[in-house]
C-alpha atoms as a PDB file:
ATOM      1  CA  ALA A   1      -4.445  -3.006  16.255  1.00  0.00           C
ATOM      2  CA  VAL A   2      -2.438  -5.999  17.342  1.00  0.00           C
ATOM      3  CA  ALA A   3       0.793  -4.140  18.163  1.00  0.00           C
ATOM      4  CA  SER A   4       2.178  -0.647  18.525  1.00  0.00           C
ATOM      5  CA  PRO A   5       2.524   1.592  15.445  1.00  0.00           C
ATOM      6  CA  HIS A   6       5.563   1.003  13.256  1.00  0.00           C
ATOM      7  CA  THR A   7       7.467   4.023  11.939  1.00  0.00           C
ATOM      8  CA  VAL A   8       8.448   3.553   8.293  1.00  0.00           C
ATOM      9  CA  THR A   9      10.041   6.981   7.832  1.00  0.00           C
ATOM     10  CA  ASP A  10      10.761  10.111   9.789  1.00  0.00           C
ATOM     11  CA  ASP A  11      11.814  12.035   6.689  1.00  0.00           C
ATOM     12  CA  PRO A  12       9.464  15.000   6.102  1.00  0.00           C
ATOM     13  CA  VAL A  13      10.065  14.978   2.318  1.00  0.00           C
ATOM     14  CA  THR A  14       9.078  11.318   2.028  1.00  0.00           C
ATOM     15  CA  THR A  15       6.083  11.901   4.294  1.00  0.00           C
ATOM     16  CA  GLN A  16       4.923  14.756   2.067  1.00  0.00           C
ATOM     17  CA  ARG A  17       5.387  12.541  -1.006  1.00  0.00           C
ATOM     18  CA  VAL A  18       3.029   9.951   0.550  1.00  0.00           C
ATOM     19  CA  LEU A  19       0.410  12.624   1.160  1.00  0.00           C
ATOM     20  CA  ASP A  20       0.850  14.081  -2.338  1.00  0.00           C
ATOM     21  CA  LEU A  21       0.137  10.670  -3.861  1.00  0.00           C
ATOM     22  CA  VAL A  22      -3.288  10.285  -2.229  1.00  0.00           C
ATOM     23  CA  PRO A  23      -5.213  11.962  -5.103  1.00  0.00           C
ATOM     24  CA  SER A  24      -3.638   9.525  -7.587  1.00  0.00           C
ATOM     25  CA  LEU A  25      -4.801   6.366  -5.812  1.00  0.00           C
ATOM     26  CA  PRO A  26      -6.272   3.898  -8.299  1.00  0.00           C
ATOM     27  CA  ALA A  27     -10.075   3.835  -8.399  1.00  0.00           C
ATOM     28  CA  LEU A  28     -10.469   0.116  -7.773  1.00  0.00           C
ATOM     29  CA  THR A  29     -13.438  -1.755  -6.333  1.00  0.00           C
ATOM     30  CA  TRP A  30     -13.041  -2.543  -2.623  1.00  0.00           C
ATOM     31  CA  GLY A  31     -12.827  -6.281  -1.967  1.00  0.00           C
ATOM     32  CA  ARG A  32     -12.143  -7.205  -5.615  1.00  0.00           C
ATOM     33  CA  ASP A  33      -9.049  -8.382  -7.444  1.00  0.00           C
ATOM     34  CA  GLU A  34      -9.465  -6.417 -10.675  1.00  0.00           C
ATOM     35  CA  HIS A  35      -5.806  -6.768 -11.700  1.00  0.00           C
ATOM     36  CA  GLY A  36      -5.437 -10.486 -10.944  1.00  0.00           C
ATOM     37  CA  THR A  37      -2.910  -9.981  -8.159  1.00  0.00           C
ATOM     38  CA  GLY A  38      -4.286 -12.858  -6.109  1.00  0.00           C
ATOM     39  CA  ASP A  39      -5.231 -10.415  -3.380  1.00  0.00           C
ATOM     40  CA  MET A  40      -8.227  -8.113  -2.908  1.00  0.00           C
ATOM     41  CA  TRP A  41      -8.039  -4.306  -2.928  1.00  0.00           C
ATOM     42  CA  ASN A  42      -8.763  -2.771   0.497  1.00  0.00           C
ATOM     43  CA  SER A  43      -7.386  -0.326   3.066  1.00  0.00           C
ATOM     44  CA  ASN A  44      -4.197  -2.387   3.434  1.00  0.00           C
ATOM     45  CA  SER A  45      -3.717  -2.129  -0.341  1.00  0.00           C
ATOM     46  CA  VAL A  46      -4.093   1.641  -0.184  1.00  0.00           C
ATOM     47  CA  ILE A  47      -1.350   1.935   2.431  1.00  0.00           C
ATOM     48  CA  SER A  48       1.071  -0.432   0.682  1.00  0.00           C
ATOM     49  CA  TRP A  49       0.396   1.308  -2.663  1.00  0.00           C
ATOM     50  CA  LEU A  50       1.143   4.726  -1.129  1.00  0.00           C
ATOM     51  CA  LEU A  51       4.303   3.481   0.571  1.00  0.00           C
ATOM     52  CA  THR A  52       5.573   1.744  -2.563  1.00  0.00           C
ATOM     53  CA  ARG A  53       4.852   4.672  -4.876  1.00  0.00           C
ATOM     54  CA  SER A  54       6.565   7.064  -2.461  1.00  0.00           C
ATOM     55  CA  GLY A  55       9.739   4.982  -2.452  1.00  0.00           C
ATOM     56  CA  ILE A  56       9.301   3.225   0.881  1.00  0.00           C
ATOM     57  CA  ALA A  57       9.919  -0.538   0.757  1.00  0.00           C
ATOM     58  CA  ALA A  58       6.416  -1.707   1.671  1.00  0.00           C
ATOM     59  CA  ASP A  59       7.415  -5.321   1.103  1.00  0.00           C
ATOM     60  CA  ALA A  60       9.810  -4.943   4.069  1.00  0.00           C
ATOM     61  CA  VAL A  61       6.909  -4.050   6.382  1.00  0.00           C
ATOM     62  CA  ALA A  62       5.300  -7.095   7.976  1.00  0.00           C
ATOM     63  CA  PRO A  63       2.285  -7.534  10.228  1.00  0.00           C
ATOM     64  CA  PRO A  64       2.974  -8.326  13.875  1.00  0.00           C
ATOM     65  CA  PRO A  65       3.372 -11.974  14.861  1.00  0.00           C
ATOM     66  CA  GLY A  66       0.028 -13.726  14.521  1.00  0.00           C
ATOM     67  CA  GLY A  67      -1.359 -10.843  12.456  1.00  0.00           C
ATOM     68  CA  SER A  68      -2.245 -10.592   8.799  1.00  0.00           C
ATOM     69  CA  ALA A  69      -2.669  -7.879   6.205  1.00  0.00           C
ATOM     70  CA  PRO A  70      -5.005  -9.076   3.458  1.00  0.00           C
ATOM     71  CA  GLY A  71      -4.640  -6.865   0.414  1.00  0.00           C
ATOM     72  CA  TRP A  72      -1.081  -5.728   1.200  1.00  0.00           C
ATOM     73  CA  ARG A  73       0.432  -7.601  -1.750  1.00  0.00           C
ATOM     74  CA  ALA A  74      -2.204  -6.148  -4.118  1.00  0.00           C
ATOM     75  CA  GLY A  75      -1.111  -2.606  -3.286  1.00  0.00           C
ATOM     76  CA  ILE A  76       2.554  -3.379  -3.846  1.00  0.00           C
ATOM     77  CA  THR A  77       1.845  -5.168  -7.122  1.00  0.00           C
ATOM     78  CA  ILE A  78      -0.465  -2.499  -8.494  1.00  0.00           C
ATOM     79  CA  ALA A  79       1.978   0.255  -7.478  1.00  0.00           C
ATOM     80  CA  GLY A  80       4.448  -1.346  -9.884  1.00  0.00           C
ATOM     81  CA  LEU A  81       2.055  -1.029 -12.829  1.00  0.00           C
ATOM     82  CA  PRO A  82       2.085   1.994 -15.140  1.00  0.00           C
ATOM     83  CA  GLU A  83       0.094   4.894 -13.672  1.00  0.00           C
ATOM     84  CA  THR A  84      -2.446   4.820 -16.486  1.00  0.00           C
ATOM     85  CA  SER A  85      -3.581   1.284 -15.520  1.00  0.00           C
ATOM     86  CA  GLY A  86      -5.029   2.192 -12.099  1.00  0.00           C
END
């Protein structure tokens, strides 16, 4: 990690919603761009997908200065697709 953790919510209902969404994660191939998002699917995608689907503005979360989060945009984009497409 480049910087300290960043709290995105302290609401227990939202936190539970994130956890409840885990079983519905799309079964995509790690390191591939199967939906043409311009970004590969990876662990960053999983987190941004979970945040977006739970109602947290993942596009407002940014890596620390000098850091990067490859795959972040893929998760946000794919979270906006119909659930049956995952």
